[in-house]
C-alpha atoms as a PDB file:
ATOM      1  CA  GLN A   1       0.000   0.000   0.000  1.00  0.00           C
ATOM      2  CA  VAL A   2       1.399   3.362  -1.070  1.00  0.00           C
ATOM      3  CA  ARG A   3       0.651   6.474   0.940  1.00  0.00           C
ATOM      4  CA  LEU A   4       1.463  10.118   0.187  1.00  0.00           C
ATOM      5  CA  VAL A   5       1.598  12.698   2.954  1.00  0.00           C
ATOM      6  CA  GLU A   6       2.110  16.414   2.333  1.00  0.00           C
ATOM      7  CA  SER A   7       3.666  18.794   4.829  1.00  0.00           C
ATOM      8  CA  GLY A   8       5.136  22.269   4.972  1.00  0.00           C
ATOM      9  CA  GLY A   9       2.017  24.364   4.605  1.00  0.00           C
ATOM     10  CA  GLY A  10       1.143  27.196   6.938  1.00  0.00           C
ATOM     11  CA  LEU A  11       0.622  30.923   7.266  1.00  0.00           C
ATOM     12  CA  VAL A  12       3.096  33.163   5.453  1.00  0.00           C
ATOM     13  CA  GLN A  13       3.193  36.868   4.683  1.00  0.00           C
ATOM     14  CA  PRO A  14       3.014  38.146   1.103  1.00  0.00           C
ATOM     15  CA  GLY A  15       6.434  37.886  -0.489  1.00  0.00           C
ATOM     16  CA  GLY A  16       7.401  34.983   1.742  1.00  0.00           C
ATOM     17  CA  SER A  17       8.422  31.440   0.919  1.00  0.00           C
ATOM     18  CA  LEU A  18       7.439  27.914   1.859  1.00  0.00           C
ATOM     19  CA  ARG A  19       8.728  24.492   0.912  1.00  0.00           C
ATOM     20  CA  LEU A  20       6.075  21.822   0.567  1.00  0.00           C
ATOM     21  CA  SER A  21       7.002  18.158   0.854  1.00  0.00           C
ATOM     22  CA  CYS A  22       5.212  15.038  -0.364  1.00  0.00           C
ATOM     23  CA  ALA A  23       6.546  11.906   1.299  1.00  0.00           C
ATOM     24  CA  ALA A  24       5.763   8.514  -0.181  1.00  0.00           C
ATOM     25  CA  SER A  25       5.691   5.454   2.077  1.00  0.00           C
ATOM     26  CA  GLY A  26       4.884   1.790   1.666  1.00  0.00           C
ATOM     27  CA  ASN A  27       5.847  -0.232  -1.375  1.00  0.00           C
ATOM     28  CA  VAL A  28       7.614   2.255  -3.644  1.00  0.00           C
ATOM     29  CA  PHE A  29       9.795   0.595  -6.252  1.00  0.00           C
ATOM     30  CA  ARG A  30      10.022   3.614  -8.549  1.00  0.00           C
ATOM     31  CA  ILE A  31       8.538   7.099  -8.802  1.00  0.00           C
ATOM     32  CA  ASN A  32       7.766   7.867 -12.433  1.00  0.00           C
ATOM     33  CA  GLY A  33       6.884  11.495 -11.976  1.00  0.00           C
ATOM     34  CA  GLY A  34       4.767  13.846  -9.957  1.00  0.00           C
ATOM     35  CA  LYS A  35       2.383  16.763 -10.005  1.00  0.00           C
ATOM     36  CA  TRP A  36       1.236  19.413  -7.582  1.00  0.00           C
ATOM     37  CA  TYR A  37      -2.304  20.755  -7.658  1.00  0.00           C
ATOM     38  CA  ARG A  38      -3.970  23.445  -5.617  1.00  0.00           C
ATOM     39  CA  GLN A  39      -7.532  24.358  -4.764  1.00  0.00           C
ATOM     40  CA  PRO A  40      -8.157  27.959  -3.695  1.00  0.00           C
ATOM     41  CA  PRO A  41     -11.136  28.602  -1.412  1.00  0.00           C
ATOM     42  CA  GLY A  42     -14.380  28.359  -3.359  1.00  0.00           C
ATOM     43  CA  LYS A  43     -12.617  27.562  -6.627  1.00  0.00           C
ATOM     44  CA  PRO A  44     -11.929  24.374  -8.576  1.00  0.00           C
ATOM     45  CA  ARG A  45      -8.667  22.484  -8.310  1.00  0.00           C
ATOM     46  CA  GLU A  46      -5.945  23.580 -10.714  1.00  0.00           C
ATOM     47  CA  LEU A  47      -2.676  22.096 -11.855  1.00  0.00           C
ATOM     48  CA  VAL A  48       0.394  23.920 -10.554  1.00  0.00           C
ATOM     49  CA  ALA A  49       3.448  21.981 -11.709  1.00  0.00           C
ATOM     50  CA  VAL A  50       4.544  18.721 -13.295  1.00  0.00           C
ATOM     51  CA  ILE A  51       7.809  16.807 -13.209  1.00  0.00           C
ATOM     52  CA  SER A  52       8.578  13.767 -15.341  1.00  0.00           C
ATOM     53  CA  ARG A  53      10.719  10.779 -14.453  1.00  0.00           C
ATOM     54  CA  ASP A  54      13.510  12.350 -16.510  1.00  0.00           C
ATOM     55  CA  GLY A  55      13.284  15.558 -14.513  1.00  0.00           C
ATOM     56  CA  GLU A  56      11.548  17.673 -17.116  1.00  0.00           C
ATOM     57  CA  THR A  57       9.305  20.252 -15.526  1.00  0.00           C
ATOM     58  CA  SER A  58       6.385  22.407 -16.577  1.00  0.00           C
ATOM     59  CA  TYR A  59       4.365  25.008 -14.731  1.00  0.00           C
ATOM     60  CA  ALA A  60       1.023  26.750 -14.902  1.00  0.00           C
ATOM     61  CA  ASP A  61       1.123  30.246 -16.342  1.00  0.00           C
ATOM     62  CA  PHE A  62       0.302  31.815 -12.986  1.00  0.00           C
ATOM     63  CA  VAL A  63       3.525  30.449 -11.480  1.00  0.00           C
ATOM     64  CA  GLN A  64       5.648  32.943 -13.459  1.00  0.00           C
ATOM     65  CA  GLY A  65       8.947  31.519 -12.262  1.00  0.00           C
ATOM     66  CA  ARG A  66       8.097  31.663  -8.565  1.00  0.00           C
ATOM     67  CA  PHE A  67       7.725  27.931  -7.835  1.00  0.00           C
ATOM     68  CA  THR A  68      10.056  24.974  -8.331  1.00  0.00           C
ATOM     69  CA  ILE A  69       9.018  21.316  -8.433  1.00  0.00           C
ATOM     70  CA  SER A  70      11.466  18.517  -7.703  1.00  0.00           C
ATOM     71  CA  ILE A  71      11.682  14.888  -6.624  1.00  0.00           C
ATOM     72  CA  ASP A  72      14.350  13.202  -4.530  1.00  0.00           C
ATOM     73  CA  ALA A  73      13.910   9.539  -5.419  1.00  0.00           C
ATOM     74  CA  ALA A  74      16.444   8.430  -2.807  1.00  0.00           C
ATOM     75  CA  VAL A  75      14.148   9.589  -0.003  1.00  0.00           C
ATOM     76  CA  LYS A  76      10.918   9.020  -1.940  1.00  0.00           C
ATOM     77  CA  THR A  77       9.868  12.634  -1.515  1.00  0.00           C
ATOM     78  CA  GLY A  78       8.589  15.309  -3.845  1.00  0.00           C
ATOM     79  CA  TYR A  79       8.913  19.014  -3.202  1.00  0.00           C
ATOM     80  CA  LEU A  80       7.333  22.273  -4.274  1.00  0.00           C
ATOM     81  CA  GLN A  81       9.323  25.385  -3.413  1.00  0.00           C
ATOM     82  CA  LEU A  82       7.042  28.411  -3.239  1.00  0.00           C
ATOM     83  CA  ASN A  83       8.656  31.860  -3.453  1.00  0.00           C
ATOM     84  CA  SER A  84       7.289  35.394  -3.735  1.00  0.00           C
ATOM     85  CA  LEU A  85       3.937  34.223  -2.467  1.00  0.00           C
ATOM     86  CA  GLU A  86       0.848  36.316  -3.061  1.00  0.00           C
ATOM     87  CA  SER A  87      -2.557  36.269  -1.416  1.00  0.00           C
ATOM     88  CA  GLU A  88      -3.914  34.624  -4.576  1.00  0.00           C
ATOM     89  CA  ASP A  89      -1.695  31.620  -3.829  1.00  0.00           C
ATOM     90  CA  THR A  90      -3.790  30.767  -0.773  1.00  0.00           C
ATOM     91  CA  ALA A  91      -5.039  27.226  -1.340  1.00  0.00           C
ATOM     92  CA  VAL A  92      -4.863  23.598  -0.313  1.00  0.00           C
ATOM     93  CA  TYR A  93      -1.888  22.123  -2.160  1.00  0.00           C
ATOM     94  CA  SER A  94      -1.991  18.416  -3.003  1.00  0.00           C
ATOM     95  CA  CYS A  95       0.568  16.122  -4.540  1.00  0.00           C
ATOM     96  CA  ASN A  96       0.079  13.351  -7.057  1.00  0.00           C
ATOM     97  CA  MET A  97       2.731  10.775  -7.899  1.00  0.00           C
ATOM     98  CA  ASN A  98       2.843   8.018 -10.485  1.00  0.00           C
ATOM     99  CA  ILE A  99       4.417   5.110  -8.637  1.00  0.00           C
ATOM    100  CA  LYS A 100       5.454   1.605  -9.537  1.00  0.00           C
ATOM    101  CA  ALA A 101       4.967  -0.354  -6.316  1.00  0.00           C
ATOM    102  CA  PHE A 102       6.804  -3.527  -7.387  1.00  0.00           C
ATOM    103  CA  PRO A 103       9.130  -4.378 -10.308  1.00  0.00           C
ATOM    104  CA  THR A 104       6.384  -6.344 -12.045  1.00  0.00           C
ATOM    105  CA  SER A 105       3.414  -4.146 -11.220  1.00  0.00           C
ATOM    106  CA  SER A 106       1.854  -1.445 -13.362  1.00  0.00           C
ATOM    107  CA  PRO A 107       2.373   2.132 -12.221  1.00  0.00           C
ATOM    108  CA  LEU A 108      -0.561   3.846 -10.552  1.00  0.00           C
ATOM    109  CA  ASP A 109      -1.428   7.389  -9.560  1.00  0.00           C
ATOM    110  CA  TYR A 110      -1.543   8.165  -5.847  1.00  0.00           C
ATOM    111  CA  TRP A 111      -2.795  11.272  -4.056  1.00  0.00           C
ATOM    112  CA  GLY A 112      -2.081  12.968  -0.790  1.00  0.00           C
ATOM    113  CA  LYS A 113      -4.734  14.717   1.272  1.00  0.00           C
ATOM    114  CA  GLY A 114      -3.219  18.162   0.932  1.00  0.00           C
ATOM    115  CA  THR A 115      -1.629  20.888   3.001  1.00  0.00           C
ATOM    116  CA  LEU A 116      -3.052  24.367   3.490  1.00  0.00           C
ATOM    117  CA  VAL A 117      -1.058  27.408   2.441  1.00  0.00           C
ATOM    118  CA  THR A 118      -2.387  30.753   3.647  1.00  0.00           C
ATOM    119  CA  VAL A 119      -0.766  33.937   2.395  1.00  0.00           C
ATOM    120  CA  SER A 120      -1.829  36.896   4.480  1.00  0.00           C
ATOM    121  CA  SER A 121      -0.417  39.864   6.332  1.00  0.00           C
END
């Protein structure tokens, strides 16, 4: 059983930074890639960033160079570095990873429950 747990959210002032983590536990043979989503209050969920198994990254237009997605396969953890945060970045941030649990199993998508980021003065 694979489990993803996010951490690192909290209250930060505009212009501040946070580093979100997404730790995978259980049977994790290989992480094929990951994504971060966010859901602002009263709005639908939106894709924030994507990283492939090869390390290629892509970001939503609203990121504008402020966020960085990464994965450290050695510790089975994904990260989202958030810089120059704005009030509009307030949201629940959730991670999604495509994980191969065993050498012979098919990869599946797994989700964490999310971590709240609040940007306010």
